Amino acid sequence: MLPNGLDKPSQEEANENQMKRDQFRDQVSKQMGELLLLGHTMLDAYCQICNGILMESRTGTRKCVACDIWDANNPKKTNSIQTLSQSASVQQDSEMLNSSEGEPKPANRSQLNGVNESILMLDKKISWLTKKMDLENEIEELMKYLDLLHKLAETMKALQSIN
C-alpha cells in the first residue's frame, strides 16, 4: 500500500489501463480520419478541456473528437451536464416570470449564460482531471491533482451560489 492509502496497481491493472488508453487513442484517430475524409480541417488549435486537436467542419463548426468520444462513452457525465443546462434555463425563465413589476423583466442573460458556461466548463475539467487521476500512479502528481480538484470544486460551488 502506498503512503496515501491507495494500492499500487498490479502489473495486470497497469496493462489494462494502458490497453484502455490505446483503444481510446485509436478511436479518436479513426474518427479524426473519417472527419478529414468528409472535408473537415484539422486545426492548429487545442481543446481547453483535454488539449486534444480541434477539428472544423466546412460550415465553421469546431469540435473536439476526444471529448465527443469521451462523452459518448460516459453518458452519466453527459446527462449531468444536460441537466445542469436545463435547470439553468428553467431558472432563467422563472426569474423572468417572477419579476416584481407587471411585465416580465428579463434576467441578465449574459451574466447567467457566462456563469452557466463556466459551470459547464468546470464540470468538463473535473471529468478530465478524474480521468487523469485514474491513470496516474505517482503520489506527488496525485496530490497535485487532488489539490486542483479541490480548487475546481470550490469554484464551482461559488458559481452555483451566484446562479
Protein backbone atom coordinates (compact mmCIF):
# COMPACT_ATOMS: atom_id res chain seq x y z
CA MET A 1 0.00 0.00 0.00
CA LEU A 2 1.23 3.48 -0.83
CA PRO A 3 1.54 6.22 1.87
CA ASN A 4 -1.61 7.93 0.56
CA GLY A 5 -3.69 4.81 1.25
CA LEU A 6 -4.01 3.76 -2.38
CA ASP A 7 -2.88 0.37 -3.54
CA LYS A 8 -0.20 0.29 -6.17
CA PRO A 9 -1.77 -1.07 -9.34
CA SER A 10 -0.76 -4.58 -10.22
CA GLN A 11 1.02 -5.24 -13.49
CA GLU A 12 -2.27 -6.63 -14.81
CA GLU A 13 -4.12 -3.42 -13.89
CA ALA A 14 -1.37 -1.28 -15.39
CA ASN A 15 -1.56 -3.30 -18.62
CA GLU A 16 -5.35 -2.97 -18.66
CA ASN A 17 -5.11 0.80 -18.18
CA GLN A 18 -2.58 1.05 -20.99
CA MET A 19 -4.85 -1.03 -23.24
CA LYS A 20 -7.79 1.30 -22.49
CA ARG A 21 -5.67 4.37 -23.30
CA ASP A 22 -4.55 2.76 -26.57
CA GLN A 23 -8.12 1.86 -27.52
CA PHE A 24 -9.33 5.38 -26.77
CA ARG A 25 -6.49 6.91 -28.80
CA ASP A 26 -7.30 4.55 -31.69
CA GLN A 27 -10.97 5.57 -31.57
CA VAL A 28 -10.02 9.25 -31.66
CA SER A 29 -7.59 8.73 -34.56
CA LYS A 30 -10.16 6.74 -36.53
CA GLN A 31 -12.86 9.37 -36.02
CA MET A 32 -10.47 12.19 -36.97
CA GLY A 33 -9.53 10.31 -40.15
CA GLU A 34 -13.18 9.88 -41.05
CA LEU A 35 -13.83 13.57 -40.49
CA LEU A 36 -10.85 14.51 -42.67
CA LEU A 37 -12.28 12.35 -45.46
CA LEU A 38 -15.58 14.20 -45.08
CA GLY A 39 -13.84 17.54 -45.60
CA HIS A 40 -13.19 18.67 -42.05
CA THR A 41 -9.99 20.55 -41.29
CA MET A 42 -7.53 19.68 -38.54
CA LEU A 43 -6.71 22.93 -36.79
CA ASP A 44 -3.62 24.17 -35.07
CA ALA A 45 -5.83 24.76 -32.03
CA TYR A 46 -6.44 22.62 -28.99
CA CYS A 47 -9.36 21.77 -26.76
CA GLN A 48 -9.47 23.70 -23.49
CA ILE A 49 -10.76 20.60 -21.70
CA CYS A 50 -8.42 17.79 -22.79
CA ASN A 51 -5.84 19.50 -25.04
CA GLY A 52 -7.00 17.37 -27.97
CA ILE A 53 -6.68 18.69 -31.51
CA LEU A 54 -9.76 20.57 -32.70
CA MET A 55 -11.47 19.78 -35.99
CA GLU A 56 -13.52 22.26 -38.03
CA SER A 57 -16.32 21.42 -40.42
CA ARG A 58 -16.87 23.20 -43.73
CA THR A 59 -19.55 25.29 -42.02
CA GLY A 60 -17.05 26.50 -39.43
CA THR A 61 -18.23 24.36 -36.52
CA ARG A 62 -15.34 23.36 -34.27
CA LYS A 63 -15.31 20.21 -32.20
CA CYS A 64 -13.00 18.10 -30.11
CA VAL A 65 -13.19 14.48 -31.20
CA ALA A 66 -11.62 13.21 -27.95
CA CYS A 67 -14.23 14.98 -25.79
CA ASP A 68 -17.05 13.80 -28.07
CA ILE A 69 -15.92 10.19 -27.80
CA TRP A 70 -15.40 10.50 -24.04
CA ASP A 71 -18.91 11.95 -23.59
CA ALA A 72 -20.41 9.21 -25.76
CA ASN A 73 -18.69 6.52 -23.68
CA ASN A 74 -19.63 8.17 -20.36
CA PRO A 75 -23.30 9.14 -20.64
CA LYS A 76 -23.65 9.70 -16.88
CA LYS A 77 -21.48 12.83 -17.06
CA THR A 78 -23.18 13.98 -20.25
CA ASN A 79 -26.58 13.64 -18.60
CA SER A 80 -25.45 15.70 -15.61
CA ILE A 81 -24.27 18.46 -17.95
CA GLN A 82 -27.58 18.37 -19.82
CA THR A 83 -29.47 18.51 -16.52
CA LEU A 84 -27.38 21.48 -15.42
CA SER A 85 -28.14 23.31 -18.69
CA GLN A 86 -31.85 22.55 -18.42
CA SER A 87 -32.07 23.69 -14.80
CA ALA A 88 -30.31 26.94 -15.71
CA SER A 89 -32.87 27.56 -18.47
CA VAL A 90 -35.75 26.87 -16.09
CA GLN A 91 -34.23 29.24 -13.50
CA GLN A 92 -33.82 31.99 -16.10
CA ASP A 93 -37.44 31.56 -17.25
CA SER A 94 -38.76 31.64 -13.67
CA GLU A 95 -36.78 34.81 -12.93
CA MET A 96 -38.45 36.47 -15.90
CA LEU A 97 -41.94 35.40 -14.78
CA ASN A 98 -41.47 36.23 -11.09
CA SER A 99 -40.31 39.81 -11.52
CA SER A 100 -41.91 42.32 -9.14
CA GLU A 101 -43.20 44.57 -11.92
CA GLY A 102 -46.31 43.92 -14.02
CA GLU A 103 -44.37 42.94 -17.13
CA PRO A 104 -41.84 40.13 -17.15
CA LYS A 105 -38.35 41.54 -16.68
CA PRO A 106 -35.61 39.54 -18.39
CA ALA A 107 -32.79 38.37 -16.14
CA ASN A 108 -29.29 39.46 -17.02
CA ARG A 109 -28.91 36.66 -19.54
CA SER A 110 -25.32 37.47 -20.43
CA GLN A 111 -24.28 37.13 -16.79
CA LEU A 112 -26.31 33.93 -16.31
CA ASN A 113 -25.04 32.46 -19.56
CA GLY A 114 -21.46 33.26 -18.57
CA VAL A 115 -21.92 31.62 -15.18
CA ASN A 116 -23.60 28.58 -16.73
CA GLU A 117 -20.86 28.26 -19.33
CA SER A 118 -18.27 28.47 -16.56
CA ILE A 119 -20.04 25.76 -14.57
CA LEU A 120 -20.18 23.50 -17.63
CA MET A 121 -16.51 24.14 -18.35
CA LEU A 122 -15.58 23.33 -14.75
CA ASP A 123 -17.63 20.13 -14.92
CA LYS A 124 -15.69 19.07 -18.01
CA LYS A 125 -12.38 19.97 -16.35
CA ILE A 126 -13.32 17.88 -13.29
CA SER A 127 -14.20 14.96 -15.55
CA TRP A 128 -10.90 15.34 -17.42
CA LEU A 129 -8.98 15.57 -14.15
CA THR A 130 -10.70 12.47 -12.81
CA LYS A 131 -9.57 10.54 -15.90
CA LYS A 132 -6.01 11.76 -15.39
CA MET A 133 -6.09 10.76 -11.72
CA ASP A 134 -7.35 7.30 -12.59
CA LEU A 135 -4.34 6.73 -14.83
CA GLU A 136 -1.76 8.30 -12.51
CA ASN A 137 0.48 6.19 -10.26
CA GLU A 138 2.84 8.86 -8.88
CA ILE A 139 1.87 10.11 -5.42
CA GLU A 140 3.17 13.65 -5.96
CA GLU A 141 1.15 14.02 -9.16
CA LEU A 142 -1.96 12.61 -7.48
CA MET A 143 -1.58 15.14 -4.67
CA LYS A 144 -1.35 17.97 -7.23
CA TYR A 145 -4.46 16.64 -8.97
CA LEU A 146 -6.34 16.41 -5.66
CA ASP A 147 -5.41 20.00 -4.82
CA LEU A 148 -6.59 21.16 -8.22
CA LEU A 149 -9.80 19.12 -7.88
CA HIS A 150 -10.49 20.79 -4.54
CA LYS A 151 -9.99 24.26 -6.06
CA LEU A 152 -12.25 23.41 -9.01
CA ALA A 153 -14.97 22.15 -6.66
CA GLU A 154 -14.77 25.33 -4.55
CA THR A 155 -15.01 27.48 -7.66
CA MET A 156 -17.99 25.51 -8.95
CA LYS A 157 -19.75 25.84 -5.59
CA ALA A 158 -19.20 29.61 -5.65
CA LEU A 159 -20.55 29.88 -9.21
CA GLN A 160 -23.60 27.79 -8.34
CA SER A 161 -24.38 30.15 -5.44
CA ILE A 162 -24.37 33.06 -7.93
CA ASN A 163 -26.63 31.12 -10.25
